[in-house]
Amino acid sequence: ADNTFPVHNAETLVNFYRNDVLTG
C-alpha cells in the first residue's frame, strides 16, 4: 500500500523491459 518507489504505467514498463531485459 505504501511503496517506496514510483509505480509506472504499462507502456513505460514494456519499453524498459524490451530495451534493458529481454532480447531477440
mmCIF file of all heavy atoms, coordinates in Angstrom:
data_MODEL
# 
_entry.id   MODEL 
# 
loop_
_atom_site.group_PDB 
_atom_site.id 
_atom_site.type_symbol 
_atom_site.label_atom_id 
_atom_site.label_alt_id 
_atom_site.label_comp_id 
_atom_site.label_asym_id 
_atom_site.label_entity_id 
_atom_site.label_seq_id 
_atom_site.pdbx_PDB_ins_code 
_atom_site.Cartn_x 
_atom_site.Cartn_y 
_atom_site.Cartn_z 
_atom_site.occupancy 
_atom_site.B_iso_or_equiv 
_atom_site.pdbx_formal_charge 
_atom_site.auth_seq_id 
_atom_site.auth_comp_id 
_atom_site.auth_asym_id 
_atom_site.auth_atom_id 
_atom_site.pdbx_PDB_model_num 
ATOM 1   N N   . ALA A 1 1  ? 0.833  -1.205  0.000   1.00 0.00 ? 1  ALA A N   1 
ATOM 2   C CA  . ALA A 1 1  ? 0.000  0.000   0.000   1.00 0.00 ? 1  ALA A CA  1 
ATOM 3   C C   . ALA A 1 1  ? 0.870  1.258   0.000   1.00 0.00 ? 1  ALA A C   1 
ATOM 4   O O   . ALA A 1 1  ? 0.612  2.204   -0.727  1.00 0.00 ? 1  ALA A O   1 
ATOM 5   C CB  . ALA A 1 1  ? -0.940 -0.008  1.197   1.00 0.00 ? 1  ALA A CB  1 
ATOM 6   N N   . ASP A 1 2  ? 1.956  1.262   0.823   1.00 0.00 ? 2  ASP A N   1 
ATOM 7   C CA  . ASP A 1 2  ? 2.851  2.421   0.898   1.00 0.00 ? 2  ASP A CA  1 
ATOM 8   C C   . ASP A 1 2  ? 4.179  2.039   0.247   1.00 0.00 ? 2  ASP A C   1 
ATOM 9   O O   . ASP A 1 2  ? 5.073  1.490   0.898   1.00 0.00 ? 2  ASP A O   1 
ATOM 10  C CB  . ASP A 1 2  ? 3.083  2.826   2.363   1.00 0.00 ? 2  ASP A CB  1 
ATOM 11  C CG  . ASP A 1 2  ? 1.771  3.259   3.008   1.00 0.00 ? 2  ASP A CG  1 
ATOM 12  O OD1 . ASP A 1 2  ? 0.908  3.769   2.285   1.00 0.00 ? 2  ASP A OD1 1 
ATOM 13  O OD2 . ASP A 1 2  ? 1.623  3.045   4.223   1.00 0.00 ? 2  ASP A OD2 1 
ATOM 14  N N   . ASN A 1 3  ? 4.294  2.312   -1.039  1.00 0.00 ? 3  ASN A N   1 
ATOM 15  C CA  . ASN A 1 3  ? 5.509  1.948   -1.769  1.00 0.00 ? 3  ASN A CA  1 
ATOM 16  C C   . ASN A 1 3  ? 6.575  3.015   -1.569  1.00 0.00 ? 3  ASN A C   1 
ATOM 17  O O   . ASN A 1 3  ? 6.275  4.199   -1.452  1.00 0.00 ? 3  ASN A O   1 
ATOM 18  C CB  . ASN A 1 3  ? 5.216  1.795   -3.265  1.00 0.00 ? 3  ASN A CB  1 
ATOM 19  C CG  . ASN A 1 3  ? 4.350  0.584   -3.555  1.00 0.00 ? 3  ASN A CG  1 
ATOM 20  O OD1 . ASN A 1 3  ? 4.492  -0.431  -2.905  1.00 0.00 ? 3  ASN A OD1 1 
ATOM 21  N ND2 . ASN A 1 3  ? 3.465  0.705   -4.531  1.00 0.00 ? 3  ASN A ND2 1 
ATOM 22  N N   . THR A 1 4  ? 7.834  2.558   -1.553  1.00 0.00 ? 4  THR A N   1 
ATOM 23  C CA  . THR A 1 4  ? 8.963  3.484   -1.513  1.00 0.00 ? 4  THR A CA  1 
ATOM 24  C C   . THR A 1 4  ? 9.512  3.743   -2.901  1.00 0.00 ? 4  THR A C   1 
ATOM 25  O O   . THR A 1 4  ? 10.595 4.295   -3.038  1.00 0.00 ? 4  THR A O   1 
ATOM 26  C CB  . THR A 1 4  ? 10.072 2.904   -0.630  1.00 0.00 ? 4  THR A CB  1 
ATOM 27  O OG1 . THR A 1 4  ? 10.454 1.628   -1.159  1.00 0.00 ? 4  THR A OG1 1 
ATOM 28  C CG2 . THR A 1 4  ? 9.592  2.730   0.796   1.00 0.00 ? 4  THR A CG2 1 
ATOM 29  N N   . PHE A 1 5  ? 8.776  3.345   -3.942  1.00 0.00 ? 5  PHE A N   1 
ATOM 30  C CA  . PHE A 1 5  ? 9.212  3.536   -5.321  1.00 0.00 ? 5  PHE A CA  1 
ATOM 31  C C   . PHE A 1 5  ? 7.984  3.922   -6.142  1.00 0.00 ? 5  PHE A C   1 
ATOM 32  O O   . PHE A 1 5  ? 6.859  3.581   -5.794  1.00 0.00 ? 5  PHE A O   1 
ATOM 33  C CB  . PHE A 1 5  ? 9.838  2.255   -5.873  1.00 0.00 ? 5  PHE A CB  1 
ATOM 34  C CG  . PHE A 1 5  ? 8.990  1.025   -5.675  1.00 0.00 ? 5  PHE A CG  1 
ATOM 35  C CD1 . PHE A 1 5  ? 7.992  0.686   -6.575  1.00 0.00 ? 5  PHE A CD1 1 
ATOM 36  C CD2 . PHE A 1 5  ? 9.192  0.220   -4.558  1.00 0.00 ? 5  PHE A CD2 1 
ATOM 37  C CE1 . PHE A 1 5  ? 7.216  -0.427  -6.377  1.00 0.00 ? 5  PHE A CE1 1 
ATOM 38  C CE2 . PHE A 1 5  ? 8.411  -0.904  -4.364  1.00 0.00 ? 5  PHE A CE2 1 
ATOM 39  C CZ  . PHE A 1 5  ? 7.419  -1.226  -5.281  1.00 0.00 ? 5  PHE A CZ  1 
ATOM 40  N N   . PRO A 1 6  ? 8.179  4.632   -7.247  1.00 0.00 ? 6  PRO A N   1 
ATOM 41  C CA  . PRO A 1 6  ? 7.027  5.003   -8.084  1.00 0.00 ? 6  PRO A CA  1 
ATOM 42  C C   . PRO A 1 6  ? 6.516  3.823   -8.896  1.00 0.00 ? 6  PRO A C   1 
ATOM 43  O O   . PRO A 1 6  ? 7.301  2.999   -9.375  1.00 0.00 ? 6  PRO A O   1 
ATOM 44  C CB  . PRO A 1 6  ? 7.606  6.086   -9.000  1.00 0.00 ? 6  PRO A CB  1 
ATOM 45  C CG  . PRO A 1 6  ? 9.064  5.799   -9.052  1.00 0.00 ? 6  PRO A CG  1 
ATOM 46  C CD  . PRO A 1 6  ? 9.436  5.208   -7.723  1.00 0.00 ? 6  PRO A CD  1 
ATOM 47  N N   . VAL A 1 7  ? 5.205  3.721   -9.023  1.00 0.00 ? 7  VAL A N   1 
ATOM 48  C CA  . VAL A 1 7  ? 4.570  2.677   -9.824  1.00 0.00 ? 7  VAL A CA  1 
ATOM 49  C C   . VAL A 1 7  ? 4.322  3.261   -11.221 1.00 0.00 ? 7  VAL A C   1 
ATOM 50  O O   . VAL A 1 7  ? 3.580  4.228   -11.381 1.00 0.00 ? 7  VAL A O   1 
ATOM 51  C CB  . VAL A 1 7  ? 3.254  2.195   -9.181  1.00 0.00 ? 7  VAL A CB  1 
ATOM 52  C CG1 . VAL A 1 7  ? 2.592  1.137   -10.060 1.00 0.00 ? 7  VAL A CG1 1 
ATOM 53  C CG2 . VAL A 1 7  ? 3.521  1.640   -7.790  1.00 0.00 ? 7  VAL A CG2 1 
ATOM 54  N N   . HIS A 1 8  ? 4.986  2.659   -12.226 1.00 0.00 ? 8  HIS A N   1 
ATOM 55  C CA  . HIS A 1 8  ? 4.912  3.170   -13.588 1.00 0.00 ? 8  HIS A CA  1 
ATOM 56  C C   . HIS A 1 8  ? 3.733  2.533   -14.328 1.00 0.00 ? 8  HIS A C   1 
ATOM 57  O O   . HIS A 1 8  ? 3.208  1.479   -13.921 1.00 0.00 ? 8  HIS A O   1 
ATOM 58  C CB  . HIS A 1 8  ? 6.215  2.880   -14.326 1.00 0.00 ? 8  HIS A CB  1 
ATOM 59  C CG  . HIS A 1 8  ? 7.410  3.492   -13.671 1.00 0.00 ? 8  HIS A CG  1 
ATOM 60  N ND1 . HIS A 1 8  ? 7.743  4.824   -13.801 1.00 0.00 ? 8  HIS A ND1 1 
ATOM 61  C CD2 . HIS A 1 8  ? 8.358  2.956   -12.847 1.00 0.00 ? 8  HIS A CD2 1 
ATOM 62  C CE1 . HIS A 1 8  ? 8.836  5.078   -13.117 1.00 0.00 ? 8  HIS A CE1 1 
ATOM 63  N NE2 . HIS A 1 8  ? 9.237  3.960   -12.515 1.00 0.00 ? 8  HIS A NE2 1 
ATOM 64  N N   . ASN A 1 9  ? 3.392  3.145   -15.441 1.00 0.00 ? 9  ASN A N   1 
ATOM 65  C CA  . ASN A 1 9  ? 2.323  2.593   -16.264 1.00 0.00 ? 9  ASN A CA  1 
ATOM 66  C C   . ASN A 1 9  ? 2.856  1.465   -17.144 1.00 0.00 ? 9  ASN A C   1 
ATOM 67  O O   . ASN A 1 9  ? 4.057  1.208   -17.200 1.00 0.00 ? 9  ASN A O   1 
ATOM 68  C CB  . ASN A 1 9  ? 1.669  3.677   -17.107 1.00 0.00 ? 9  ASN A CB  1 
ATOM 69  C CG  . ASN A 1 9  ? 2.694  4.432   -17.946 1.00 0.00 ? 9  ASN A CG  1 
ATOM 70  O OD1 . ASN A 1 9  ? 3.822  3.988   -18.083 1.00 0.00 ? 9  ASN A OD1 1 
ATOM 71  N ND2 . ASN A 1 9  ? 2.309  5.562   -18.495 1.00 0.00 ? 9  ASN A ND2 1 
ATOM 72  N N   . ALA A 1 10 ? 1.943  0.807   -17.844 1.00 0.00 ? 10 ALA A N   1 
ATOM 73  C CA  . ALA A 1 10 ? 2.309  -0.381  -18.615 1.00 0.00 ? 10 ALA A CA  1 
ATOM 74  C C   . ALA A 1 10 ? 3.228  -0.034  -19.781 1.00 0.00 ? 10 ALA A C   1 
ATOM 75  O O   . ALA A 1 10 ? 4.160  -0.803  -20.090 1.00 0.00 ? 10 ALA A O   1 
ATOM 76  C CB  . ALA A 1 10 ? 1.044  -1.083  -19.122 1.00 0.00 ? 10 ALA A CB  1 
ATOM 77  N N   . GLU A 1 11 ? 3.034  1.100   -20.441 1.00 0.00 ? 11 GLU A N   1 
ATOM 78  C CA  . GLU A 1 11 ? 3.864  1.466   -21.585 1.00 0.00 ? 11 GLU A CA  1 
ATOM 79  C C   . GLU A 1 11 ? 5.322  1.672   -21.172 1.00 0.00 ? 11 GLU A C   1 
ATOM 80  O O   . GLU A 1 11 ? 6.246  1.181   -21.825 1.00 0.00 ? 11 GLU A O   1 
ATOM 81  C CB  . GLU A 1 11 ? 3.322  2.744   -22.223 1.00 0.00 ? 11 GLU A CB  1 
ATOM 82  C CG  . GLU A 1 11 ? 1.955  2.562   -22.905 1.00 0.00 ? 11 GLU A CG  1 
ATOM 83  C CD  . GLU A 1 11 ? 1.449  3.858   -23.526 1.00 0.00 ? 11 GLU A CD  1 
ATOM 84  O OE1 . GLU A 1 11 ? 2.170  4.878   -23.369 1.00 0.00 ? 11 GLU A OE1 1 
ATOM 85  O OE2 . GLU A 1 11 ? 0.379  3.835   -24.145 1.00 0.00 ? 11 GLU A OE2 1 
ATOM 86  N N   . THR A 1 12 ? 5.526  2.389   -20.070 1.00 0.00 ? 12 THR A N   1 
ATOM 87  C CA  . THR A 1 12 ? 6.888  2.619   -19.576 1.00 0.00 ? 12 THR A CA  1 
ATOM 88  C C   . THR A 1 12 ? 7.572  1.310   -19.227 1.00 0.00 ? 12 THR A C   1 
ATOM 89  O O   . THR A 1 12 ? 8.748  1.080   -19.560 1.00 0.00 ? 12 THR A O   1 
ATOM 90  C CB  . THR A 1 12 ? 6.852  3.536   -18.339 1.00 0.00 ? 12 THR A CB  1 
ATOM 91  O OG1 . THR A 1 12 ? 6.139  4.714   -18.658 1.00 0.00 ? 12 THR A OG1 1 
ATOM 92  C CG2 . THR A 1 12 ? 8.259  3.898   -17.896 1.00 0.00 ? 12 THR A CG2 1 
ATOM 93  N N   . LEU A 1 13 ? 6.830  0.413   -18.551 1.00 0.00 ? 13 LEU A N   1 
ATOM 94  C CA  . LEU A 1 13 ? 7.405  -0.876  -18.172 1.00 0.00 ? 13 LEU A CA  1 
ATOM 95  C C   . LEU A 1 13 ? 7.736  -1.714  -19.399 1.00 0.00 ? 13 LEU A C   1 
ATOM 96  O O   . LEU A 1 13 ? 8.795  -2.357  -19.467 1.00 0.00 ? 13 LEU A O   1 
ATOM 97  C CB  . LEU A 1 13 ? 6.428  -1.627  -17.256 1.00 0.00 ? 13 LEU A CB  1 
ATOM 98  C CG  . LEU A 1 13 ? 6.205  -1.006  -15.880 1.00 0.00 ? 13 LEU A CG  1 
ATOM 99  C CD1 . LEU A 1 13 ? 5.081  -1.715  -15.150 1.00 0.00 ? 13 LEU A CD1 1 
ATOM 100 C CD2 . LEU A 1 13 ? 7.473  -1.067  -15.039 1.00 0.00 ? 13 LEU A CD2 1 
ATOM 101 N N   . VAL A 1 14 ? 6.840  -1.722  -20.386 1.00 0.00 ? 14 VAL A N   1 
ATOM 102 C CA  . VAL A 1 14 ? 7.089  -2.505  -21.609 1.00 0.00 ? 14 VAL A CA  1 
ATOM 103 C C   . VAL A 1 14 ? 8.327  -1.987  -22.330 1.00 0.00 ? 14 VAL A C   1 
ATOM 104 O O   . VAL A 1 14 ? 9.193  -2.768  -22.773 1.00 0.00 ? 14 VAL A O   1 
ATOM 105 C CB  . VAL A 1 14 ? 5.839  -2.477  -22.512 1.00 0.00 ? 14 VAL A CB  1 
ATOM 106 C CG1 . VAL A 1 14 ? 6.170  -3.016  -23.900 1.00 0.00 ? 14 VAL A CG1 1 
ATOM 107 C CG2 . VAL A 1 14 ? 4.732  -3.320  -21.902 1.00 0.00 ? 14 VAL A CG2 1 
ATOM 108 N N   . ASN A 1 15 ? 8.450  -0.663  -22.458 1.00 0.00 ? 15 ASN A N   1 
ATOM 109 C CA  . ASN A 1 15 ? 9.628  -0.083  -23.129 1.00 0.00 ? 15 ASN A CA  1 
ATOM 110 C C   . ASN A 1 15 ? 10.914 -0.427  -22.376 1.00 0.00 ? 15 ASN A C   1 
ATOM 111 O O   . ASN A 1 15 ? 11.933 -0.774  -22.990 1.00 0.00 ? 15 ASN A O   1 
ATOM 112 C CB  . ASN A 1 15 ? 9.474  1.434   -23.238 1.00 0.00 ? 15 ASN A CB  1 
ATOM 113 C CG  . ASN A 1 15 ? 8.396  1.832   -24.209 1.00 0.00 ? 15 ASN A CG  1 
ATOM 114 O OD1 . ASN A 1 15 ? 8.179  1.140   -25.206 1.00 0.00 ? 15 ASN A OD1 1 
ATOM 115 N ND2 . ASN A 1 15 ? 7.693  2.917   -23.925 1.00 0.00 ? 15 ASN A ND2 1 
ATOM 116 N N   . PHE A 1 16 ? 10.872 -0.325  -21.042 1.00 0.00 ? 16 PHE A N   1 
ATOM 117 C CA  . PHE A 1 16 ? 12.070 -0.627  -20.250 1.00 0.00 ? 16 PHE A CA  1 
ATOM 118 C C   . PHE A 1 16 ? 12.476 -2.092  -20.392 1.00 0.00 ? 16 PHE A C   1 
ATOM 119 O O   . PHE A 1 16 ? 13.644 -2.403  -20.669 1.00 0.00 ? 16 PHE A O   1 
ATOM 120 C CB  . PHE A 1 16 ? 11.810 -0.297  -18.774 1.00 0.00 ? 16 PHE A CB  1 
ATOM 121 C CG  . PHE A 1 16 ? 12.926 -0.744  -17.868 1.00 0.00 ? 16 PHE A CG  1 
ATOM 122 C CD1 . PHE A 1 16 ? 14.125 -0.049  -17.826 1.00 0.00 ? 16 PHE A CD1 1 
ATOM 123 C CD2 . PHE A 1 16 ? 12.785 -1.864  -17.066 1.00 0.00 ? 16 PHE A CD2 1 
ATOM 124 C CE1 . PHE A 1 16 ? 15.146 -0.458  -17.000 1.00 0.00 ? 16 PHE A CE1 1 
ATOM 125 C CE2 . PHE A 1 16 ? 13.805 -2.276  -16.242 1.00 0.00 ? 16 PHE A CE2 1 
ATOM 126 C CZ  . PHE A 1 16 ? 14.982 -1.576  -16.213 1.00 0.00 ? 16 PHE A CZ  1 
ATOM 127 N N   . TYR A 1 17 ? 11.518 -3.005  -20.220 1.00 0.00 ? 17 TYR A N   1 
ATOM 128 C CA  . TYR A 1 17 ? 11.864 -4.432  -20.260 1.00 0.00 ? 17 TYR A CA  1 
ATOM 129 C C   . TYR A 1 17 ? 12.227 -4.884  -21.676 1.00 0.00 ? 17 TYR A C   1 
ATOM 130 O O   . TYR A 1 17 ? 13.039 -5.800  -21.844 1.00 0.00 ? 17 TYR A O   1 
ATOM 131 C CB  . TYR A 1 17 ? 10.718 -5.275  -19.705 1.00 0.00 ? 17 TYR A CB  1 
ATOM 132 C CG  . TYR A 1 17 ? 10.649 -5.228  -18.203 1.00 0.00 ? 17 TYR A CG  1 
ATOM 133 C CD1 . TYR A 1 17 ? 9.766  -4.390  -17.539 1.00 0.00 ? 17 TYR A CD1 1 
ATOM 134 C CD2 . TYR A 1 17 ? 11.505 -5.982  -17.423 1.00 0.00 ? 17 TYR A CD2 1 
ATOM 135 C CE1 . TYR A 1 17 ? 9.716  -4.314  -16.158 1.00 0.00 ? 17 TYR A CE1 1 
ATOM 136 C CE2 . TYR A 1 17 ? 11.465 -5.929  -16.037 1.00 0.00 ? 17 TYR A CE2 1 
ATOM 137 C CZ  . TYR A 1 17 ? 10.574 -5.092  -15.412 1.00 0.00 ? 17 TYR A CZ  1 
ATOM 138 O OH  . TYR A 1 17 ? 10.543 -5.031  -14.047 1.00 0.00 ? 17 TYR A OH  1 
ATOM 139 N N   . ARG A 1 18 ? 11.651 -4.251  -22.685 1.00 0.00 ? 18 ARG A N   1 
ATOM 140 C CA  . ARG A 1 18 ? 12.046 -4.601  -24.053 1.00 0.00 ? 18 ARG A CA  1 
ATOM 141 C C   . ARG A 1 18 ? 13.457 -4.124  -24.367 1.00 0.00 ? 18 ARG A C   1 
ATOM 142 O O   . ARG A 1 18 ? 14.192 -4.784  -25.098 1.00 0.00 ? 18 ARG A O   1 
ATOM 143 C CB  . ARG A 1 18 ? 11.059 -3.982  -25.050 1.00 0.00 ? 18 ARG A CB  1 
ATOM 144 C CG  . ARG A 1 18 ? 9.715  -4.683  -25.070 1.00 0.00 ? 18 ARG A CG  1 
ATOM 145 C CD  . ARG A 1 18 ? 8.756  -4.051  -26.057 1.00 0.00 ? 18 ARG A CD  1 
ATOM 146 N NE  . ARG A 1 18 ? 9.203  -4.239  -27.431 1.00 0.00 ? 18 ARG A NE  1 
ATOM 147 C CZ  . ARG A 1 18 ? 8.532  -3.811  -28.492 1.00 0.00 ? 18 ARG A CZ  1 
ATOM 148 N NH1 . ARG A 1 18 ? 7.381  -3.156  -28.325 1.00 0.00 ? 18 ARG A NH1 1 
ATOM 149 N NH2 . ARG A 1 18 ? 8.997  -4.013  -29.705 1.00 0.00 ? 18 ARG A NH2 1 
ATOM 150 N N   . ASN A 1 19 ? 13.864 -2.981  -23.799 1.00 0.00 ? 19 ASN A N   1 
ATOM 151 C CA  . ASN A 1 19 ? 15.187 -2.423  -24.113 1.00 0.00 ? 19 ASN A CA  1 
ATOM 152 C C   . ASN A 1 19 ? 16.296 -2.971  -23.232 1.00 0.00 ? 19 ASN A C   1 
ATOM 153 O O   . ASN A 1 19 ? 17.415 -3.171  -23.708 1.00 0.00 ? 19 ASN A O   1 
ATOM 154 C CB  . ASN A 1 19 ? 15.147 -0.888  -23.991 1.00 0.00 ? 19 ASN A CB  1 
ATOM 155 C CG  . ASN A 1 19 ? 14.251 -0.260  -25.022 1.00 0.00 ? 19 ASN A CG  1 
ATOM 156 O OD1 . ASN A 1 19 ? 14.161 -0.757  -26.142 1.00 0.00 ? 19 ASN A OD1 1 
ATOM 157 N ND2 . ASN A 1 19 ? 13.580 0.817   -24.659 1.00 0.00 ? 19 ASN A ND2 1 
ATOM 158 N N   . ASP A 1 20 ? 16.016 -3.186  -21.936 1.00 0.00 ? 20 ASP A N   1 
ATOM 159 C CA  . ASP A 1 20 ? 17.074 -3.483  -20.973 1.00 0.00 ? 20 ASP A CA  1 
ATOM 160 C C   . ASP A 1 20 ? 17.093 -4.918  -20.467 1.00 0.00 ? 20 ASP A C   1 
ATOM 161 O O   . ASP A 1 20 ? 18.119 -5.344  -19.912 1.00 0.00 ? 20 ASP A O   1 
ATOM 162 C CB  . ASP A 1 20 ? 16.959 -2.545  -19.755 1.00 0.00 ? 20 ASP A CB  1 
ATOM 163 C CG  . ASP A 1 20 ? 17.225 -1.108  -20.125 1.00 0.00 ? 20 ASP A CG  1 
ATOM 164 O OD1 . ASP A 1 20 ? 17.780 -0.893  -21.214 1.00 0.00 ? 20 ASP A OD1 1 
ATOM 165 O OD2 . ASP A 1 20 ? 16.865 -0.204  -19.355 1.00 0.00 ? 20 ASP A OD2 1 
ATOM 166 N N   . VAL A 1 21 ? 16.009 -5.672  -20.603 1.00 0.00 ? 21 VAL A N   1 
ATOM 167 C CA  . VAL A 1 21 ? 15.963 -7.012  -20.006 1.00 0.00 ? 21 VAL A CA  1 
ATOM 168 C C   . VAL A 1 21 ? 15.836 -8.086  -21.078 1.00 0.00 ? 21 VAL A C   1 
ATOM 169 O O   . VAL A 1 21 ? 16.651 -9.016  -21.150 1.00 0.00 ? 21 VAL A O   1 
ATOM 170 C CB  . VAL A 1 21 ? 14.797 -7.110  -18.986 1.00 0.00 ? 21 VAL A CB  1 
ATOM 171 C CG1 . VAL A 1 21 ? 14.712 -8.523  -18.410 1.00 0.00 ? 21 VAL A CG1 1 
ATOM 172 C CG2 . VAL A 1 21 ? 14.988 -6.099  -17.854 1.00 0.00 ? 21 VAL A CG2 1 
ATOM 173 N N   . LEU A 1 22 ? 14.822 -7.986  -21.917 1.00 0.00 ? 22 LEU A N   1 
ATOM 174 C CA  . LEU A 1 22 ? 14.557 -9.015  -22.915 1.00 0.00 ? 22 LEU A CA  1 
ATOM 175 C C   . LEU A 1 22 ? 15.442 -8.823  -24.137 1.00 0.00 ? 22 LEU A C   1 
ATOM 176 O O   . LEU A 1 22 ? 15.936 -7.726  -24.420 1.00 0.00 ? 22 LEU A O   1 
ATOM 177 C CB  . LEU A 1 22 ? 13.087 -8.976  -23.323 1.00 0.00 ? 22 LEU A CB  1 
ATOM 178 C CG  . LEU A 1 22 ? 12.066 -9.245  -22.198 1.00 0.00 ? 22 LEU A CG  1 
ATOM 179 C CD1 . LEU A 1 22 ? 10.666 -9.094  -22.724 1.00 0.00 ? 22 LEU A CD1 1 
ATOM 180 C CD2 . LEU A 1 22 ? 12.266 -10.615 -21.582 1.00 0.00 ? 22 LEU A CD2 1 
ATOM 181 N N   . THR A 1 23 ? 15.635 -9.924  -24.865 1.00 0.00 ? 23 THR A N   1 
ATOM 182 C CA  . THR A 1 23 ? 16.435 -9.892  -26.085 1.00 0.00 ? 23 THR A CA  1 
ATOM 183 C C   . THR A 1 23 ? 15.739 -10.710 -27.162 1.00 0.00 ? 23 THR A C   1 
ATOM 184 O O   . THR A 1 23 ? 14.963 -11.628 -26.865 1.00 0.00 ? 23 THR A O   1 
ATOM 185 C CB  . THR A 1 23 ? 17.833 -10.475 -25.839 1.00 0.00 ? 23 THR A CB  1 
ATOM 186 O OG1 . THR A 1 23 ? 17.698 -11.805 -25.322 1.00 0.00 ? 23 THR A OG1 1 
ATOM 187 C CG2 . THR A 1 23 ? 18.642 -9.632  -24.867 1.00 0.00 ? 23 THR A CG2 1 
ATOM 188 N N   . GLY A 1 24 ? 16.065 -10.396 -28.416 1.00 0.00 ? 24 GLY A N   1 
ATOM 189 C CA  . GLY A 1 24 ? 15.603 -11.210 -29.524 1.00 0.00 ? 24 GLY A CA  1 
ATOM 190 C C   . GLY A 1 24 ? 14.095 -11.161 -29.714 1.00 0.00 ? 24 GLY A C   1 
ATOM 191 O O   . GLY A 1 24 ? 13.433 -10.128 -29.623 1.00 0.00 ? 24 GLY A O   1 
# 
